[in-house]
Protein backbone atom coordinates (compact mmCIF):
# COMPACT_ATOMS: atom_id res chain seq x y z
CA MET A 1 -2.79 -15.28 48.96
CA ALA A 2 -0.06 -14.51 46.41
CA ASN A 3 -0.30 -11.21 44.51
CA ILE A 4 0.44 -11.02 40.80
CA GLY A 5 2.92 -8.28 41.66
CA ASP A 6 4.94 -10.89 43.56
CA LEU A 7 5.53 -13.00 40.47
CA PRO A 8 9.13 -13.21 39.22
CA GLU A 9 10.00 -10.97 36.29
CA ASP A 10 10.48 -13.88 33.88
CA ILE A 11 6.95 -15.11 34.60
CA LEU A 12 5.52 -11.62 34.02
CA VAL A 13 7.46 -11.42 30.74
CA GLU A 14 5.91 -14.71 29.62
CA LEU A 15 2.40 -13.59 30.64
CA PHE A 16 2.71 -10.18 28.99
CA SER A 17 3.94 -11.76 25.77
CA LEU A 18 0.47 -13.33 25.48
CA VAL A 19 -1.40 -10.04 25.96
CA PRO A 20 -2.46 -8.05 22.85
CA ALA A 21 -0.03 -5.19 22.16
CA ARG A 22 -2.67 -2.47 22.41
CA GLU A 23 -3.70 -3.72 25.87
CA LEU A 24 -0.08 -3.66 27.01
CA ILE A 25 0.40 -0.06 25.93
CA CYS A 26 -3.00 1.38 26.83
CA ASN A 27 -3.77 -0.51 30.04
CA CYS A 28 -1.14 -2.82 31.52
CA GLN A 29 1.69 -0.33 31.74
CA LEU A 30 -0.60 2.08 33.64
CA VAL A 31 -1.27 -0.37 36.50
CA CYS A 32 1.95 0.23 38.45
CA VAL A 33 5.63 1.06 38.07
CA LEU A 34 6.62 -2.62 38.00
CA TRP A 35 4.22 -3.45 35.18
CA ARG A 36 5.30 -0.36 33.24
CA ASP A 37 8.94 -1.39 33.49
CA VAL A 38 8.23 -4.98 32.48
CA VAL A 39 6.02 -3.93 29.53
CA ASN A 40 8.90 -1.81 28.25
CA LEU A 41 11.44 -4.62 28.47
CA ALA A 42 12.89 -5.65 25.12
CA THR A 43 12.45 -9.32 26.12
CA VAL A 44 8.64 -8.93 26.19
CA TRP A 45 8.51 -7.65 22.62
CA LYS A 46 11.14 -10.06 21.36
CA ARG A 47 9.07 -12.91 22.80
CA LYS A 48 5.93 -11.52 21.10
CA CYS A 49 7.81 -11.38 17.78
CA GLN A 50 8.85 -15.02 18.22
CA ARG A 51 5.31 -16.08 19.12
CA GLU A 52 3.82 -14.38 16.07
CA GLY A 53 6.49 -15.52 13.63
CA PHE A 54 8.04 -12.15 12.86
CA ASN A 55 11.43 -13.15 11.45
CA HIS A 56 14.19 -10.64 12.13
CA GLU A 57 17.04 -12.55 10.47
CA LYS A 58 16.45 -11.00 7.04
CA TRP A 59 17.14 -7.50 8.36
CA ASP A 60 20.78 -6.52 7.94
CA LYS A 61 21.32 -4.53 11.10
CA THR A 62 20.78 -5.42 14.75
CA ILE A 63 17.30 -4.57 15.98
CA GLN A 64 17.59 -1.61 18.33
CA ASP A 65 13.99 -1.43 19.49
CA TRP A 66 11.99 -4.67 19.66
CA LYS A 67 8.77 -2.83 20.44
CA ILE A 68 9.02 -0.75 17.25
CA PHE A 69 10.05 -3.83 15.28
CA TYR A 70 6.97 -5.66 16.57
CA PHE A 71 4.58 -2.85 15.63
CA LEU A 72 6.09 -2.44 12.16
CA CYS A 73 5.75 -6.18 11.51
CA SER A 74 2.19 -6.33 12.85
CA LEU A 75 1.13 -3.27 10.83
CA LYS A 76 2.78 -4.44 7.61
CA LYS A 77 0.41 -4.69 4.67
CA ASN A 78 0.11 -3.44 1.12
CA LEU A 79 -0.99 0.18 1.47
CA LEU A 80 -2.24 0.21 -2.13
CA LYS A 81 -5.80 -1.02 -2.47
CA ASN A 82 -6.97 -3.10 -5.43
CA PRO A 83 -3.45 -3.50 -6.87
CA CYS A 84 -4.37 -6.39 -9.20
CA ALA A 85 -7.54 -5.00 -10.82
CA GLU A 86 -9.84 -7.48 -9.08
CA GLU A 87 -12.23 -4.61 -8.28
CA SER A 88 -11.96 -2.86 -11.65
CA PHE A 89 -10.73 0.71 -10.96
CA GLN A 90 -12.05 1.05 -7.41
CA PHE A 91 -9.70 3.09 -5.15
CA TRP A 92 -7.78 4.43 -8.16
CA THR A 93 -8.07 7.98 -9.54
CA LEU A 94 -7.63 8.18 -13.30
CA LYS A 95 -5.40 11.20 -13.88
CA SER A 96 -5.07 10.69 -17.62
CA ASN A 97 -7.42 8.47 -19.61
CA LYS A 98 -6.68 9.10 -23.26
CA GLY A 99 -6.88 7.06 -26.42
CA ASP A 100 -9.39 4.25 -25.90
CA LYS A 101 -8.87 4.72 -22.13
CA TRP A 102 -7.78 2.38 -19.36
CA LYS A 103 -9.09 -1.18 -19.38
CA VAL A 104 -8.89 -4.30 -17.19
CA GLU A 105 -8.00 -7.63 -18.83
CA ASP A 106 -7.46 -11.21 -17.69
CA LEU A 107 -4.00 -12.73 -17.64
CA PRO A 108 -2.14 -13.64 -19.75
CA GLY A 109 -3.97 -11.51 -22.35
CA GLN A 110 -3.39 -11.47 -26.10
CA HIS A 111 0.28 -11.84 -27.01
CA GLY A 112 1.15 -11.76 -23.29
CA ARG A 113 2.85 -13.95 -20.72
CA ASP A 114 1.71 -15.61 -17.51
CA PHE A 115 2.43 -13.70 -14.32
CA PRO A 116 5.12 -15.19 -11.99
CA SER A 117 2.60 -15.56 -9.14
CA PRO A 118 -0.50 -17.76 -9.57
CA HIS A 119 -2.40 -15.45 -7.20
CA VAL A 120 -2.51 -12.61 -9.75
CA HIS A 121 -5.28 -13.00 -12.35
CA LYS A 122 -5.84 -9.56 -13.90
CA TYR A 123 -3.98 -6.45 -15.00
CA PHE A 124 -4.65 -2.85 -16.01
CA VAL A 125 -3.81 -1.98 -19.62
CA THR A 126 -3.20 1.37 -21.33
CA SER A 127 -4.12 2.62 -24.79
CA TYR A 128 -2.57 4.74 -27.56
CA GLY A 129 -3.04 7.94 -25.55
CA LEU A 130 -1.33 8.56 -22.23
CA CYS A 131 -3.03 6.69 -19.35
CA LEU A 132 -2.05 7.47 -15.76
CA LYS A 133 -3.72 6.53 -12.47
CA PHE A 134 -2.84 7.16 -8.83
CA GLN A 135 -3.60 6.52 -5.18
CA LEU A 136 -2.92 8.89 -2.28
CA ILE A 137 -2.09 7.12 1.00
CA ASP A 138 -2.73 8.76 4.37
CA LEU A 139 -0.18 7.17 6.71
CA LYS A 140 -1.93 8.13 9.93
CA LYS A 141 -5.16 6.50 8.75
CA GLU A 142 -3.17 3.33 8.04
CA GLY A 143 -1.88 3.24 11.63
CA TYR A 144 1.54 4.90 11.25
CA TRP A 145 1.76 7.64 13.86
CA ASP A 146 3.73 10.89 13.38
CA GLN A 147 6.46 10.13 15.93
CA LEU A 148 7.18 6.78 14.27
CA MET A 149 7.59 8.37 10.84
CA ASP A 150 9.67 11.30 12.15
CA GLU A 151 12.00 9.55 14.60
CA ILE A 152 12.25 5.92 13.48
CA ARG A 153 11.74 6.63 9.76
CA PRO A 154 11.09 3.02 8.73
CA ASP A 155 11.83 1.97 5.17
CA ILE A 156 9.13 2.66 2.59
CA VAL A 157 9.34 -0.10 -0.01
CA VAL A 158 7.74 0.44 -3.43
CA LYS A 159 7.22 -2.33 -5.98
CA ASP A 160 5.44 -2.44 -9.32
CA TRP A 161 5.11 -4.87 -12.21
CA TYR A 162 4.80 -3.99 -15.90
CA ALA A 163 4.83 -5.75 -19.26
CA ALA A 164 4.29 -5.16 -22.96
CA ARG A 165 2.47 -7.15 -25.60
CA PHE A 166 4.71 -9.13 -27.93
CA ASP A 167 3.37 -7.38 -31.04
CA CYS A 168 3.47 -3.72 -29.94
CA GLY A 169 5.95 -1.40 -28.29
CA CYS A 170 4.99 0.60 -25.23
CA ARG A 171 6.07 3.11 -22.59
CA TYR A 172 5.88 2.57 -18.82
CA ASP A 173 5.81 5.46 -16.32
CA LEU A 174 6.17 5.42 -12.53
CA CYS A 175 6.36 8.25 -10.00
CA VAL A 176 6.18 7.91 -6.20
CA GLN A 177 6.29 10.94 -3.93
CA LEU A 178 6.58 11.29 -0.14
CA LEU A 179 4.43 14.25 0.94
CA SER A 180 4.07 16.37 4.06
CA ALA A 181 0.79 17.07 5.85
CA ASP A 182 0.38 20.05 3.48
CA TYR A 183 1.19 17.87 0.44
CA ILE A 184 4.65 19.37 -0.09
CA VAL A 185 6.98 16.94 -1.89
CA LEU A 186 9.75 15.88 0.51
CA HIS A 187 11.22 13.04 -1.56
CA LYS A 188 10.36 11.38 -4.84
CA PHE A 189 11.26 8.45 -7.05
CA CYS A 190 10.37 9.24 -10.67
CA PRO A 191 12.67 7.28 -12.98
CA GLU A 192 12.89 7.88 -16.69
CA PRO A 193 10.07 6.20 -18.65
CA VAL A 194 10.81 2.63 -19.70
CA ILE A 195 10.49 2.12 -23.47
CA ILE A 196 9.86 -1.44 -24.64
CA GLU A 197 10.31 -2.06 -28.35
CA GLN A 198 7.93 -4.01 -30.58
CA TRP A 199 8.52 -7.79 -30.72
CA SER A 200 9.78 -7.91 -27.14
CA ASP A 201 9.70 -11.03 -24.96
CA ALA A 202 6.49 -9.70 -23.28
CA GLU A 203 7.78 -10.88 -19.89
CA TRP A 204 6.57 -9.30 -16.67
CA ARG A 205 9.21 -7.16 -14.99
CA GLU A 206 9.38 -5.89 -11.43
CA ILE A 207 10.72 -2.49 -10.46
CA SER A 208 11.40 -1.73 -6.80
CA TYR A 209 12.72 1.18 -4.76
CA THR A 210 13.26 1.79 -1.04
CA PHE A 211 12.94 5.20 0.58
CA CYS A 212 15.14 5.44 3.70
CA ASN A 213 16.73 8.17 5.79
CA TYR A 214 14.10 10.57 4.49
CA LYS A 215 13.18 13.93 6.02
CA ALA A 216 10.86 14.16 9.01
CA GLY A 217 7.28 15.14 8.24
CA VAL A 218 6.21 12.42 5.79
CA ARG A 219 2.43 12.03 6.17
CA HIS A 220 1.23 10.90 2.72
CA ILE A 221 2.51 8.79 -0.17
CA LEU A 222 1.42 9.46 -3.75
CA PHE A 223 1.79 6.48 -6.10
CA GLU A 224 1.23 7.09 -9.82
CA HIS A 225 1.89 4.83 -12.79
CA GLY A 226 0.74 4.07 -16.33
CA GLY A 227 1.93 4.56 -19.89
CA GLN A 228 0.77 4.05 -23.48
CA ASP A 229 1.62 2.17 -26.63
CA THR A 230 4.29 3.65 -28.90
CA GLN A 231 2.65 2.83 -32.22
CA TYR A 232 -0.66 4.59 -31.64
CA TRP A 233 -2.86 1.63 -32.52
CA ALA A 234 -6.55 1.86 -31.65
CA GLY A 235 -7.46 -0.45 -28.78
CA TRP A 236 -5.41 -1.60 -25.80
CA TYR A 237 -1.87 -2.26 -27.00
CA GLY A 238 -0.06 -0.22 -24.35
CA CYS A 239 1.77 -0.98 -21.15
CA ARG A 240 0.23 -3.48 -18.71
CA VAL A 241 0.58 -3.03 -14.93
CA THR A 242 -0.46 -5.08 -11.90
CA ASN A 243 0.53 -6.28 -8.40
CA SER A 244 1.75 -2.85 -7.26
CA SER A 245 2.66 -2.48 -3.59
CA ILE A 246 3.86 -0.05 -0.94
CA THR A 247 4.91 -1.44 2.44
CA ILE A 248 6.42 0.10 5.58
CA GLU A 249 9.21 -2.08 6.94
CA PRO A 250 11.99 -2.05 9.55
CA GLY A 251 15.18 -0.42 8.29
CA GLY A 252 18.01 -2.21 6.55
CA HIS A 253 16.92 -2.33 2.89
CA CYS A 254 18.28 1.05 1.80
CA GLY A 255 19.49 0.93 -1.79
CA GLU A 256 19.02 1.90 -5.39
CA ALA A 257 16.12 1.02 -7.62
CA THR A 258 16.10 -2.50 -9.01
CA SER A 259 14.38 -4.05 -11.99
CA GLN A 260 14.21 -7.74 -12.72
CA THR A 261 12.39 -10.48 -14.59
CA PRO A 262 11.96 -13.44 -12.20
CA ALA A 263 11.58 -16.96 -13.48
CA LEU A 264 8.06 -18.33 -13.65
CA ASN A 265 7.00 -20.75 -10.92
CA THR A 266 6.79 -24.30 -12.18
């Protein structure tokens, strides 16, 4: 009777590409030297990426490690919880809650604009006193192990959306910090506050930034944003924010911060 160990390598590659990744790492590669060597072949992980639709063409540089690429793609998700206010303020810590305090409103809101994506229905809005809120992300709890963050150092992509009312000026603040296990700041992106004048176009704008080539030891990410209105009107006339995101991605997107106002979907 034929033994599975007698199968040609290309057949084993095809079989292993169908096995869940955790089983390959935790069980299959421990069976024998042959299986270990096949599990670690780049062709196995490239085939798994193809099967699961992980597109590598958008990355600028050649993929050096298909196994790491696969895990980064399979782990990819928005690390910020409740980014679009669907669950009120759950998962957010209100650092500053002045004026008439933070509030959640439905899009487009008074004197506001529709959001570019039809999947976003709500936003957080600030008042005449400074309003700031934050989330602290534990990377290990999200599945990103220490060796990955220290040796591979995948890109950390930050995006946020903000807007003003047409009839009132406002200020928008954003600060994102990469922290060590002891919460020491290793890197940060804290641009100057954005001031939007009264009678603006009230369009939603996206700001994005990519951390890359950062120091080893990143274990947490602190995301903080908010603002206030600049005319000190009672109520909720300040900056509006929604659809924030932090994702861990394969390298190749290193660059400066960008800000843009995309066209609305029609």
